[in-house]
Amino acid sequence: MFLLFPMFAASFQPEQAPLAPETHIIDDVDSKLDLSTSDTLLDLHRRLVEIESITGNEKKVGRWLASYLEKQNLTVELQEVGIDRFNVFAYPRGERKTQVLVTSHIDTVISTI
């Protein structure tokens, strides 16, 4: 049997060095979001997390998100990936090609820990 005490373990690890110079994203931004934009984003987040969306049961949150995006004058497409499960695509009205892609999950994964 071999035991390694934590105080010993630290001496065997090589020193880590950053891959790039440290930058602070917030310091690099010339301007911050105005209050109304910030409030809108926080409200969107709040509404999304209030809708139960455990994996396999994200139909309701997906439909809500699609409706929200349509109200923002975006063209919305739903891509079915399973029964009552779909990806939500949104882009400027009438323009299917875009130079920006924002991606995220809309389901919630329950921790098994």
PDB file of N, CA and C in Angstrom:
ATOM      1  N   MET A   1       0.848  -1.174   0.000  1.00  0.00           N
ATOM      2  CA  MET A   1       0.000   0.000   0.000  1.00  0.00           C
ATOM      3  C   MET A   1       0.896   1.240   0.000  1.00  0.00           C
ATOM      4  N   PHE A   2       0.525   2.221  -0.817  1.00  0.00           N
ATOM      5  CA  PHE A   2       1.296   3.454  -0.946  1.00  0.00           C
ATOM      6  C   PHE A   2       0.389   4.622  -0.626  1.00  0.00           C
ATOM      7  N   LEU A   3       0.781   5.465   0.300  1.00  0.00           N
ATOM      8  CA  LEU A   3       0.006   6.648   0.665  1.00  0.00           C
ATOM      9  C   LEU A   3       0.789   7.889   0.287  1.00  0.00           C
ATOM     10  N   LEU A   4       0.116   8.819  -0.294  1.00  0.00           N
ATOM     11  CA  LEU A   4       0.736  10.092  -0.653  1.00  0.00           C
ATOM     12  C   LEU A   4      -0.043  11.190   0.048  1.00  0.00           C
ATOM     13  N   PHE A   5       0.619  11.913   0.913  1.00  0.00           N
ATOM     14  CA  PHE A   5      -0.053  12.967   1.652  1.00  0.00           C
ATOM     15  C   PHE A   5      -0.165  14.212   0.779  1.00  0.00           C
ATOM     16  N   PRO A   6      -1.259  14.976   0.900  1.00  0.00           N
ATOM     17  CA  PRO A   6      -1.464  16.170   0.064  1.00  0.00           C
ATOM     18  C   PRO A   6      -0.298  17.150   0.098  1.00  0.00           C
ATOM     19  N   MET A   7       0.348  17.343   1.240  1.00  0.00           N
ATOM     20  CA  MET A   7       1.440  18.310   1.293  1.00  0.00           C
ATOM     21  C   MET A   7       2.627  17.836   0.467  1.00  0.00           C
ATOM     22  N   PHE A   8       2.775  16.535   0.315  1.00  0.00           N
ATOM     23  CA  PHE A   8       3.813  15.952  -0.504  1.00  0.00           C
ATOM     24  C   PHE A   8       3.471  16.050  -1.985  1.00  0.00           C
ATOM     25  N   ALA A   9       2.191  15.852  -2.300  1.00  0.00           N
ATOM     26  CA  ALA A   9       1.736  15.816  -3.686  1.00  0.00           C
ATOM     27  C   ALA A   9       2.054  17.120  -4.413  1.00  0.00           C
ATOM     28  N   ALA A  10       1.943  18.231  -3.712  1.00  0.00           N
ATOM     29  CA  ALA A  10       2.181  19.530  -4.344  1.00  0.00           C
ATOM     30  C   ALA A  10       3.624  19.665  -4.832  1.00  0.00           C
ATOM     31  N   SER A  11       4.556  19.058  -4.142  1.00  0.00           N
ATOM     32  CA  SER A  11       5.954  19.199  -4.536  1.00  0.00           C
ATOM     33  C   SER A  11       6.290  18.406  -5.801  1.00  0.00           C
ATOM     34  N   PHE A  12       5.480  17.458  -6.192  1.00  0.00           N
ATOM     35  CA  PHE A  12       5.735  16.643  -7.371  1.00  0.00           C
ATOM     36  C   PHE A  12       5.109  17.214  -8.647  1.00  0.00           C
ATOM     37  N   GLN A  13       4.270  18.241  -8.532  1.00  0.00           N
ATOM     38  CA  GLN A  13       3.569  18.791  -9.687  1.00  0.00           C
ATOM     39  C   GLN A  13       4.393  19.914 -10.309  1.00  0.00           C
ATOM     40  N   PRO A  14       4.512  19.915 -11.647  1.00  0.00           N
ATOM     41  CA  PRO A  14       5.240  21.008 -12.294  1.00  0.00           C
ATOM     42  C   PRO A  14       4.457  22.315 -12.163  1.00  0.00           C
ATOM     43  N   GLU A  15       5.178  23.412 -12.146  1.00  0.00           N
ATOM     44  CA  GLU A  15       4.535  24.713 -12.040  1.00  0.00           C
ATOM     45  C   GLU A  15       3.777  25.014 -13.328  1.00  0.00           C
ATOM     46  N   GLN A  16       2.570  25.513 -13.189  1.00  0.00           N
ATOM     47  CA  GLN A  16       1.764  25.843 -14.357  1.00  0.00           C
ATOM     48  C   GLN A  16       2.017  27.276 -14.775  1.00  0.00           C
ATOM     49  N   ALA A  17       2.011  27.490 -16.071  1.00  0.00           N
ATOM     50  CA  ALA A  17       2.179  28.835 -16.607  1.00  0.00           C
ATOM     51  C   ALA A  17       1.009  29.133 -17.535  1.00  0.00           C
ATOM     52  N   PRO A  18       0.535  30.372 -17.574  1.00  0.00           N
ATOM     53  CA  PRO A  18      -0.571  30.705 -18.479  1.00  0.00           C
ATOM     54  C   PRO A  18      -0.151  30.542 -19.937  1.00  0.00           C
ATOM     55  N   LEU A  19      -1.119  30.163 -20.779  1.00  0.00           N
ATOM     56  CA  LEU A  19      -0.856  30.020 -22.212  1.00  0.00           C
ATOM     57  C   LEU A  19      -0.741  31.365 -22.900  1.00  0.00           C
ATOM     58  N   ALA A  20      -1.418  32.359 -22.355  1.00  0.00           N
ATOM     59  CA  ALA A  20      -1.410  33.695 -22.948  1.00  0.00           C
ATOM     60  C   ALA A  20      -1.422  34.713 -21.820  1.00  0.00           C
ATOM     61  N   PRO A  21      -1.054  35.946 -22.111  1.00  0.00           N
ATOM     62  CA  PRO A  21      -1.103  36.969 -21.069  1.00  0.00           C
ATOM     63  C   PRO A  21      -2.516  37.085 -20.499  1.00  0.00           C
ATOM     64  N   GLU A  22      -2.594  37.332 -19.211  1.00  0.00           N
ATOM     65  CA  GLU A  22      -3.895  37.448 -18.566  1.00  0.00           C
ATOM     66  C   GLU A  22      -4.595  38.719 -19.037  1.00  0.00           C
ATOM     67  N   THR A  23      -5.855  38.568 -19.430  1.00  0.00           N
ATOM     68  CA  THR A  23      -6.645  39.740 -19.809  1.00  0.00           C
ATOM     69  C   THR A  23      -7.956  39.702 -19.047  1.00  0.00           C
ATOM     70  N   HIS A  24      -8.480  40.840 -18.812  1.00  0.00           N
ATOM     71  CA  HIS A  24      -9.769  40.949 -18.152  1.00  0.00           C
ATOM     72  C   HIS A  24     -10.753  41.461 -19.190  1.00  0.00           C
ATOM     73  N   ILE A  25     -11.659  40.606 -19.585  1.00  0.00           N
ATOM     74  CA  ILE A  25     -12.605  40.941 -20.655  1.00  0.00           C
ATOM     75  C   ILE A  25     -13.366  42.212 -20.329  1.00  0.00           C
ATOM     76  N   ILE A  26     -13.830  42.343 -19.096  1.00  0.00           N
ATOM     77  CA  ILE A  26     -14.630  43.508 -18.742  1.00  0.00           C
ATOM     78  C   ILE A  26     -13.806  44.784 -18.877  1.00  0.00           C
ATOM     79  N   ASP A  27     -12.513  44.734 -18.516  1.00  0.00           N
ATOM     80  CA  ASP A  27     -11.657  45.916 -18.638  1.00  0.00           C
ATOM     81  C   ASP A  27     -11.447  46.309 -20.096  1.00  0.00           C
ATOM     82  N   ASP A  28     -11.537  45.327 -21.007  1.00  0.00           N
ATOM     83  CA  ASP A  28     -11.286  45.587 -22.417  1.00  0.00           C
ATOM     84  C   ASP A  28     -12.497  46.158 -23.147  1.00  0.00           C
ATOM     85  N   VAL A  29     -13.645  46.143 -22.521  1.00  0.00           N
ATOM     86  CA  VAL A  29     -14.868  46.619 -23.164  1.00  0.00           C
ATOM     87  C   VAL A  29     -14.965  48.124 -23.006  1.00  0.00           C
ATOM     88  N   ASP A  30     -15.139  48.801 -24.123  1.00  0.00           N
ATOM     89  CA  ASP A  30     -15.211  50.264 -24.084  1.00  0.00           C
ATOM     90  C   ASP A  30     -16.494  50.763 -23.439  1.00  0.00           C
ATOM     91  N   SER A  31     -17.581  50.039 -23.667  1.00  0.00           N
ATOM     92  CA  SER A  31     -18.848  50.480 -23.092  1.00  0.00           C
ATOM     93  C   SER A  31     -19.591  49.283 -22.530  1.00  0.00           C
ATOM     94  N   LYS A  32     -20.397  49.547 -21.538  1.00  0.00           N
ATOM     95  CA  LYS A  32     -21.195  48.493 -20.919  1.00  0.00           C
ATOM     96  C   LYS A  32     -22.591  48.527 -21.512  1.00  0.00           C
ATOM     97  N   LEU A  33     -23.337  47.437 -21.291  1.00  0.00           N
ATOM     98  CA  LEU A  33     -24.721  47.410 -21.743  1.00  0.00           C
ATOM     99  C   LEU A  33     -25.509  48.490 -21.029  1.00  0.00           C
ATOM    100  N   ASP A  34     -26.390  49.123 -21.777  1.00  0.00           N
ATOM    101  CA  ASP A  34     -27.240  50.096 -21.106  1.00  0.00           C
ATOM    102  C   ASP A  34     -28.225  49.338 -20.217  1.00  0.00           C
ATOM    103  N   LEU A  35     -28.789  50.033 -19.245  1.00  0.00           N
ATOM    104  CA  LEU A  35     -29.636  49.406 -18.240  1.00  0.00           C
ATOM    105  C   LEU A  35     -30.834  48.685 -18.849  1.00  0.00           C
ATOM    106  N   SER A  36     -31.464  49.260 -19.867  1.00  0.00           N
ATOM    107  CA  SER A  36     -32.645  48.616 -20.447  1.00  0.00           C
ATOM    108  C   SER A  36     -32.278  47.298 -21.130  1.00  0.00           C
ATOM    109  N   THR A  37     -31.120  47.244 -21.800  1.00  0.00           N
ATOM    110  CA  THR A  37     -30.671  46.003 -22.430  1.00  0.00           C
ATOM    111  C   THR A  37     -30.353  44.964 -21.369  1.00  0.00           C
ATOM    112  N   SER A  38     -29.677  45.385 -20.322  1.00  0.00           N
ATOM    113  CA  SER A  38     -29.344  44.485 -19.226  1.00  0.00           C
ATOM    114  C   SER A  38     -30.605  43.919 -18.584  1.00  0.00           C
ATOM    115  N   ASP A  39     -31.584  44.778 -18.335  1.00  0.00           N
ATOM    116  CA  ASP A  39     -32.848  44.330 -17.748  1.00  0.00           C
ATOM    117  C   ASP A  39     -33.557  43.340 -18.665  1.00  0.00           C
ATOM    118  N   THR A  40     -33.525  43.587 -19.966  1.00  0.00           N
ATOM    119  CA  THR A  40     -34.162  42.700 -20.935  1.00  0.00           C
ATOM    120  C   THR A  40     -33.507  41.318 -20.915  1.00  0.00           C
ATOM    121  N   LEU A  41     -32.178  41.291 -20.885  1.00  0.00           N
ATOM    122  CA  LEU A  41     -31.467  40.008 -20.857  1.00  0.00           C
ATOM    123  C   LEU A  41     -31.732  39.252 -19.565  1.00  0.00           C
ATOM    124  N   LEU A  42     -31.752  39.952 -18.440  1.00  0.00           N
ATOM    125  CA  LEU A  42     -32.044  39.298 -17.172  1.00  0.00           C
ATOM    126  C   LEU A  42     -33.472  38.757 -17.141  1.00  0.00           C
ATOM    127  N   ASP A  43     -34.402  39.512 -17.713  1.00  0.00           N
ATOM    128  CA  ASP A  43     -35.791  39.052 -17.775  1.00  0.00           C
ATOM    129  C   ASP A  43     -35.903  37.804 -18.651  1.00  0.00           C
ATOM    130  N   LEU A  44     -35.215  37.783 -19.784  1.00  0.00           N
ATOM    131  CA  LEU A  44     -35.216  36.607 -20.661  1.00  0.00           C
ATOM    132  C   LEU A  44     -34.670  35.395 -19.903  1.00  0.00           C
ATOM    133  N   HIS A  45     -33.562  35.573 -19.229  1.00  0.00           N
ATOM    134  CA  HIS A  45     -32.970  34.479 -18.462  1.00  0.00           C
ATOM    135  C   HIS A  45     -33.933  33.972 -17.391  1.00  0.00           C
ATOM    136  N   ARG A  46     -34.534  34.886 -16.655  1.00  0.00           N
ATOM    137  CA  ARG A  46     -35.474  34.508 -15.590  1.00  0.00           C
ATOM    138  C   ARG A  46     -36.631  33.689 -16.148  1.00  0.00           C
ATOM    139  N   ARG A  47     -37.192  34.154 -17.262  1.00  0.00           N
ATOM    140  CA  ARG A  47     -38.327  33.445 -17.865  1.00  0.00           C
ATOM    141  C   ARG A  47     -37.924  32.053 -18.350  1.00  0.00           C
ATOM    142  N   LEU A  48     -36.736  31.934 -18.923  1.00  0.00           N
ATOM    143  CA  LEU A  48     -36.277  30.624 -19.398  1.00  0.00           C
ATOM    144  C   LEU A  48     -36.098  29.633 -18.257  1.00  0.00           C
ATOM    145  N   VAL A  49     -35.480  30.074 -17.168  1.00  0.00           N
ATOM    146  CA  VAL A  49     -35.222  29.135 -16.073  1.00  0.00           C
ATOM    147  C   VAL A  49     -36.462  28.823 -15.257  1.00  0.00           C
ATOM    148  N   GLU A  50     -37.512  29.618 -15.399  1.00  0.00           N
ATOM    149  CA  GLU A  50     -38.763  29.331 -14.693  1.00  0.00           C
ATOM    150  C   GLU A  50     -39.538  28.187 -15.348  1.00  0.00           C
ATOM    151  N   ILE A  51     -39.209  27.854 -16.579  1.00  0.00           N
ATOM    152  CA  ILE A  51     -39.925  26.792 -17.304  1.00  0.00           C
ATOM    153  C   ILE A  51     -39.192  25.474 -17.097  1.00  0.00           C
ATOM    154  N   GLU A  52     -39.874  24.492 -16.543  1.00  0.00           N
ATOM    155  CA  GLU A  52     -39.268  23.181 -16.305  1.00  0.00           C
ATOM    156  C   GLU A  52     -38.806  22.610 -17.636  1.00  0.00           C
ATOM    157  N   SER A  53     -37.547  22.196 -17.695  1.00  0.00           N
ATOM    158  CA  SER A  53     -36.986  21.748 -18.974  1.00  0.00           C
ATOM    159  C   SER A  53     -35.966  20.622 -18.802  1.00  0.00           C
ATOM    160  N   ILE A  54     -36.300  19.663 -17.951  1.00  0.00           N
ATOM    161  CA  ILE A  54     -35.407  18.525 -17.755  1.00  0.00           C
ATOM    162  C   ILE A  54     -35.257  17.796 -19.086  1.00  0.00           C
ATOM    163  N   THR A  55     -34.058  17.294 -19.361  1.00  0.00           N
ATOM    164  CA  THR A  55     -33.762  16.611 -20.617  1.00  0.00           C
ATOM    165  C   THR A  55     -34.876  15.636 -20.984  1.00  0.00           C
ATOM    166  N   GLY A  56     -35.358  15.746 -22.213  1.00  0.00           N
ATOM    167  CA  GLY A  56     -36.456  14.913 -22.694  1.00  0.00           C
ATOM    168  C   GLY A  56     -37.807  15.585 -22.519  1.00  0.00           C
ATOM    169  N   ASN A  57     -37.838  16.684 -21.796  1.00  0.00           N
ATOM    170  CA  ASN A  57     -39.087  17.402 -21.533  1.00  0.00           C
ATOM    171  C   ASN A  57     -38.900  18.892 -21.800  1.00  0.00           C
ATOM    172  N   GLU A  58     -38.227  19.202 -22.916  1.00  0.00           N
ATOM    173  CA  GLU A  58     -37.953  20.613 -23.196  1.00  0.00           C
ATOM    174  C   GLU A  58     -38.884  21.224 -24.239  1.00  0.00           C
ATOM    175  N   LYS A  59     -39.967  20.537 -24.571  1.00  0.00           N
ATOM    176  CA  LYS A  59     -40.895  21.058 -25.581  1.00  0.00           C
ATOM    177  C   LYS A  59     -41.451  22.426 -25.179  1.00  0.00           C
ATOM    178  N   LYS A  60     -41.885  22.555 -23.926  1.00  0.00           N
ATOM    179  CA  LYS A  60     -42.510  23.806 -23.483  1.00  0.00           C
ATOM    180  C   LYS A  60     -41.530  24.976 -23.559  1.00  0.00           C
ATOM    181  N   VAL A  61     -40.302  24.786 -23.083  1.00  0.00           N
ATOM    182  CA  VAL A  61     -39.331  25.877 -23.109  1.00  0.00           C
ATOM    183  C   VAL A  61     -38.932  26.191 -24.554  1.00  0.00           C
ATOM    184  N   GLY A  62     -38.847  25.174 -25.398  1.00  0.00           N
ATOM    185  CA  GLY A  62     -38.519  25.397 -26.809  1.00  0.00           C
ATOM    186  C   GLY A  62     -39.593  26.199 -27.523  1.00  0.00           C
ATOM    187  N   ARG A  63     -40.850  25.856 -27.273  1.00  0.00           N
ATOM    188  CA  ARG A  63     -41.964  26.608 -27.881  1.00  0.00           C
ATOM    189  C   ARG A  63     -41.979  28.046 -27.373  1.00  0.00           C
ATOM    190  N   TRP A  64     -41.736  28.228 -26.057  1.00  0.00           N
ATOM    191  CA  TRP A  64     -41.715  29.580 -25.501  1.00  0.00           C
ATOM    192  C   TRP A  64     -40.594  30.387 -26.137  1.00  0.00           C
ATOM    193  N   LEU A  65     -39.408  29.789 -26.248  1.00  0.00           N
ATOM    194  CA  LEU A  65     -38.265  30.487 -26.836  1.00  0.00           C
ATOM    195  C   LEU A  65     -38.539  30.855 -28.294  1.00  0.00           C
ATOM    196  N   ALA A  66     -39.121  29.933 -29.056  1.00  0.00           N
ATOM    197  CA  ALA A  66     -39.453  30.211 -30.457  1.00  0.00           C
ATOM    198  C   ALA A  66     -40.418  31.400 -30.540  1.00  0.00           C
ATOM    199  N   SER A  67     -41.431  31.414 -29.684  1.00  0.00           N
ATOM    200  CA  SER A  67     -42.402  32.516 -29.672  1.00  0.00           C
ATOM    201  C   SER A  67     -41.722  33.831 -29.303  1.00  0.00           C
ATOM    202  N   TYR A  68     -40.857  33.803 -28.304  1.00  0.00           N
ATOM    203  CA  TYR A  68     -40.121  35.001 -27.883  1.00  0.00           C
ATOM    204  C   TYR A  68     -39.291  35.550 -29.038  1.00  0.00           C
ATOM    205  N   LEU A  69     -38.567  34.673 -29.724  1.00  0.00           N
ATOM    206  CA  LEU A  69     -37.704  35.107 -30.828  1.00  0.00           C
ATOM    207  C   LEU A  69     -38.525  35.668 -31.994  1.00  0.00           C
ATOM    208  N   GLU A  70     -39.674  35.061 -32.266  1.00  0.00           N
ATOM    209  CA  GLU A  70     -40.556  35.597 -33.323  1.00  0.00           C
ATOM    210  C   GLU A  70     -41.034  37.000 -32.966  1.00  0.00           C
ATOM    211  N   LYS A  71     -41.327  37.236 -31.693  1.00  0.00           N
ATOM    212  CA  LYS A  71     -41.754  38.570 -31.246  1.00  0.00           C
ATOM    213  C   LYS A  71     -40.629  39.595 -31.372  1.00  0.00           C
ATOM    214  N   GLN A  72     -39.394  39.117 -31.471  1.00  0.00           N
ATOM    215  CA  GLN A  72     -38.243  40.004 -31.674  1.00  0.00           C
ATOM    216  C   GLN A  72     -37.973  40.212 -33.171  1.00  0.00           C
ATOM    217  N   ASN A  73     -38.943  39.831 -33.999  1.00  0.00           N
ATOM    218  CA  ASN A  73     -38.866  39.961 -35.454  1.00  0.00           C
ATOM    219  C   ASN A  73     -37.778  39.097 -36.085  1.00  0.00           C
ATOM    220  N   LEU A  74     -37.564  37.925 -35.525  1.00  0.00           N
ATOM    221  CA  LEU A  74     -36.632  36.967 -36.112  1.00  0.00           C
ATOM    222  C   LEU A  74     -37.411  35.849 -36.786  1.00  0.00           C
ATOM    223  N   THR A  75     -36.848  35.309 -37.847  1.00  0.00           N
ATOM    224  CA  THR A  75     -37.418  34.130 -38.475  1.00  0.00           C
ATOM    225  C   THR A  75     -36.967  32.938 -37.649  1.00  0.00           C
ATOM    226  N   VAL A  76     -37.888  32.064 -37.300  1.00  0.00           N
ATOM    227  CA  VAL A  76     -37.586  30.937 -36.422  1.00  0.00           C
ATOM    228  C   VAL A  76     -37.903  29.633 -37.139  1.00  0.00           C
ATOM    229  N   GLU A  77     -36.989  28.685 -37.030  1.00  0.00           N
ATOM    230  CA  GLU A  77     -37.207  27.333 -37.552  1.00  0.00           C
ATOM    231  C   GLU A  77     -36.993  26.347 -36.414  1.00  0.00           C
ATOM    232  N   LEU A  78     -37.823  25.322 -36.371  1.00  0.00           N
ATOM    233  CA  LEU A  78     -37.656  24.257 -35.395  1.00  0.00           C
ATOM    234  C   LEU A  78     -37.197  23.013 -36.137  1.00  0.00           C
ATOM    235  N   GLN A  79     -36.100  22.423 -35.689  1.00  0.00           N
ATOM    236  CA  GLN A  79     -35.552  21.216 -36.304  1.00  0.00           C
ATOM    237  C   GLN A  79     -35.809  20.060 -35.339  1.00  0.00           C
ATOM    238  N   GLU A  80     -36.686  19.149 -35.730  1.00  0.00           N
ATOM    239  CA  GLU A  80     -37.024  18.028 -34.859  1.00  0.00           C
ATOM    240  C   GLU A  80     -35.831  17.095 -34.695  1.00  0.00           C
ATOM    241  N   VAL A  81     -35.541  16.746 -33.439  1.00  0.00           N
ATOM    242  CA  VAL A  81     -34.439  15.821 -33.157  1.00  0.00           C
ATOM    243  C   VAL A  81     -34.926  14.609 -32.362  1.00  0.00           C
ATOM    244  N   GLY A  82     -36.194  14.561 -32.065  1.00  0.00           N
ATOM    245  CA  GLY A  82     -36.802  13.462 -31.325  1.00  0.00           C
ATOM    246  C   GLY A  82     -38.247  13.812 -31.034  1.00  0.00           C
ATOM    247  N   ILE A  83     -38.949  12.919 -30.366  1.00  0.00           N
ATOM    248  CA  ILE A  83     -40.344  13.178 -30.017  1.00  0.00           C
ATOM    249  C   ILE A  83     -40.388  14.336 -29.030  1.00  0.00           C
ATOM    250  N   ASP A  84     -41.097  15.402 -29.412  1.00  0.00           N
ATOM    251  CA  ASP A  84     -41.235  16.614 -28.591  1.00  0.00           C
ATOM    252  C   ASP A  84     -39.895  17.252 -28.234  1.00  0.00           C
ATOM    253  N   ARG A  85     -38.881  17.036 -29.080  1.00  0.00           N
ATOM    254  CA  ARG A  85     -37.559  17.645 -28.878  1.00  0.00           C
ATOM    255  C   ARG A  85     -37.121  18.254 -30.204  1.00  0.00           C
ATOM    256  N   PHE A  86     -36.588  19.461 -30.131  1.00  0.00           N
ATOM    257  CA  PHE A  86     -36.170  20.127 -31.360  1.00  0.00           C
ATOM    258  C   PHE A  86     -35.117  21.185 -31.071  1.00  0.00           C
ATOM    259  N   ASN A  87     -34.347  21.493 -32.095  1.00  0.00           N
ATOM    260  CA  ASN A  87     -33.420  22.616 -32.052  1.00  0.00           C
ATOM    261  C   ASN A  87     -34.174  23.852 -32.504  1.00  0.00           C
ATOM    262  N   VAL A  88     -33.813  24.996 -31.961  1.00  0.00           N
ATOM    263  CA  VAL A  88     -34.429  26.268 -32.338  1.00  0.00           C
ATOM    264  C   VAL A  88     -33.388  27.083 -33.097  1.00  0.00           C
ATOM    265  N   PHE A  89     -33.719  27.441 -34.329  1.00  0.00           N
ATOM    266  CA  PHE A  89     -32.855  28.300 -35.142  1.00  0.00           C
ATOM    267  C   PHE A  89     -33.564  29.633 -35.328  1.00  0.00           C
ATOM    268  N   ALA A  90     -32.830  30.723 -35.185  1.00  0.00           N
ATOM    269  CA  ALA A  90     -33.414  32.053 -35.388  1.00  0.00           C
ATOM    270  C   ALA A  90     -32.412  32.922 -36.127  1.00  0.00           C
ATOM    271  N   TYR A  91     -32.916  33.701 -37.053  1.00  0.00           N
ATOM    272  CA  TYR A  91     -32.062  34.582 -37.832  1.00  0.00           C
ATOM    273  C   TYR A  91     -32.878  35.780 -38.283  1.00  0.00           C
ATOM    274  N   PRO A  92     -32.192  36.868 -38.722  1.00  0.00           N
ATOM    275  CA  PRO A  92     -32.937  38.068 -39.139  1.00  0.00           C
ATOM    276  C   PRO A  92     -34.010  37.730 -40.170  1.00  0.00           C
ATOM    277  N   ARG A  93     -35.127  38.396 -40.055  1.00  0.00           N
ATOM    278  CA  ARG A  93     -36.292  38.133 -40.887  1.00  0.00           C
ATOM    279  C   ARG A  93     -35.921  37.993 -42.357  1.00  0.00           C
ATOM    280  N   GLY A  94     -36.220  36.826 -42.915  1.00  0.00           N
ATOM    281  CA  GLY A  94     -36.005  36.587 -44.335  1.00  0.00           C
ATOM    282  C   GLY A  94     -34.583  36.250 -44.735  1.00  0.00           C
ATOM    283  N   GLU A  95     -33.636  36.281 -43.803  1.00  0.00           N
ATOM    284  CA  GLU A  95     -32.230  36.007 -44.107  1.00  0.00           C
ATOM    285  C   GLU A  95     -31.811  34.705 -43.440  1.00  0.00           C
ATOM    286  N   ARG A  96     -31.639  33.647 -44.206  1.00  0.00           N
ATOM    287  CA  ARG A  96     -31.231  32.387 -43.594  1.00  0.00           C
ATOM    288  C   ARG A  96     -29.729  32.315 -43.394  1.00  0.00           C
ATOM    289  N   LYS A  97     -28.977  33.096 -44.134  1.00  0.00           N
ATOM    290  CA  LYS A  97     -27.535  33.064 -43.926  1.00  0.00           C
ATOM    291  C   LYS A  97     -27.149  34.167 -42.937  1.00  0.00           C
ATOM    292  N   THR A  98     -26.193  33.836 -42.097  1.00  0.00           N
ATOM    293  CA  THR A  98     -25.746  34.775 -41.079  1.00  0.00           C
ATOM    294  C   THR A  98     -24.271  34.532 -40.793  1.00  0.00           C
ATOM    295  N   GLN A  99     -23.596  35.525 -40.258  1.00  0.00           N
ATOM    296  CA  GLN A  99     -22.172  35.393 -39.945  1.00  0.00           C
ATOM    297  C   GLN A  99     -21.939  35.068 -38.470  1.00  0.00           C
ATOM    298  N   VAL A 100     -22.997  35.059 -37.669  1.00  0.00           N
ATOM    299  CA  VAL A 100     -22.870  34.816 -36.236  1.00  0.00           C
ATOM    300  C   VAL A 100     -23.728  33.629 -35.843  1.00  0.00           C
ATOM    301  N   LEU A 101     -23.169  32.762 -35.022  1.00  0.00           N
ATOM    302  CA  LEU A 101     -23.912  31.625 -34.494  1.00  0.00           C
ATOM    303  C   LEU A 101     -23.809  31.650 -32.979  1.00  0.00           C
ATOM    304  N   VAL A 102     -24.948  31.668 -32.325  1.00  0.00           N
ATOM    305  CA  VAL A 102     -24.996  31.582 -30.867  1.00  0.00           C
ATOM    306  C   VAL A 102     -25.660  30.259 -30.553  1.00  0.00           C
ATOM    307  N   THR A 103     -25.023  29.459 -29.741  1.00  0.00           N
ATOM    308  CA  THR A 103     -25.546  28.130 -29.457  1.00  0.00           C
ATOM    309  C   THR A 103     -25.591  27.873 -27.957  1.00  0.00           C
ATOM    310  N   SER A 104     -26.586  27.134 -27.539  1.00  0.00           N
ATOM    311  CA  SER A 104     -26.741  26.811 -26.123  1.00  0.00           C
ATOM    312  C   SER A 104     -27.721  25.659 -25.992  1.00  0.00           C
ATOM    313  N   HIS A 105     -27.770  25.067 -24.831  1.00  0.00           N
ATOM    314  CA  HIS A 105     -28.765  24.036 -24.536  1.00  0.00           C
ATOM    315  C   HIS A 105     -29.963  24.717 -23.902  1.00  0.00           C
ATOM    316  N   ILE A 106     -31.165  24.181 -24.178  1.00  0.00           N
ATOM    317  CA  ILE A 106     -32.347  24.699 -23.513  1.00  0.00           C
ATOM    318  C   ILE A 106     -32.900  23.700 -22.507  1.00  0.00           C
ATOM    319  N   ASP A 107     -32.260  22.534 -22.420  1.00  0.00           N
ATOM    320  CA  ASP A 107     -32.692  21.561 -21.426  1.00  0.00           C
ATOM    321  C   ASP A 107     -31.846  21.686 -20.159  1.00  0.00           C
ATOM    322  N   THR A 108     -32.341  21.110 -19.094  1.00  0.00           N
ATOM    323  CA  THR A 108     -31.646  21.094 -17.814  1.00  0.00           C
ATOM    324  C   THR A 108     -31.274  19.662 -17.505  1.00  0.00           C
ATOM    325  N   VAL A 109     -30.023  19.438 -17.179  1.00  0.00           N
ATOM    326  CA  VAL A 109     -29.551  18.098 -16.848  1.00  0.00           C
ATOM    327  C   VAL A 109     -29.522  17.966 -15.339  1.00  0.00           C
ATOM    328  N   ILE A 110     -30.171  16.938 -14.827  1.00  0.00           N
ATOM    329  CA  ILE A 110     -30.211  16.714 -13.383  1.00  0.00           C
ATOM    330  C   ILE A 110     -28.880  16.106 -12.939  1.00  0.00           C
ATOM    331  N   SER A 111     -28.326  16.641 -11.896  1.00  0.00           N
ATOM    332  CA  SER A 111     -27.063  16.150 -11.361  1.00  0.00           C
ATOM    333  C   SER A 111     -27.257  14.756 -10.768  1.00  0.00           C
ATOM    334  N   THR A 112     -26.305  13.895 -11.009  1.00  0.00           N
ATOM    335  CA  THR A 112     -26.353  12.542 -10.441  1.00  0.00           C
ATOM    336  C   THR A 112     -25.434  12.410  -9.239  1.00  0.00           C
ATOM    337  N   ILE A 113     -24.850  13.515  -8.840  1.00  0.00           N
ATOM    338  CA  ILE A 113     -23.918  13.487  -7.691  1.00  0.00           C
ATOM    339  C   ILE A 113     -24.690  13.531  -6.401  1.00  0.00           C
TER     340      ILE A 113
END
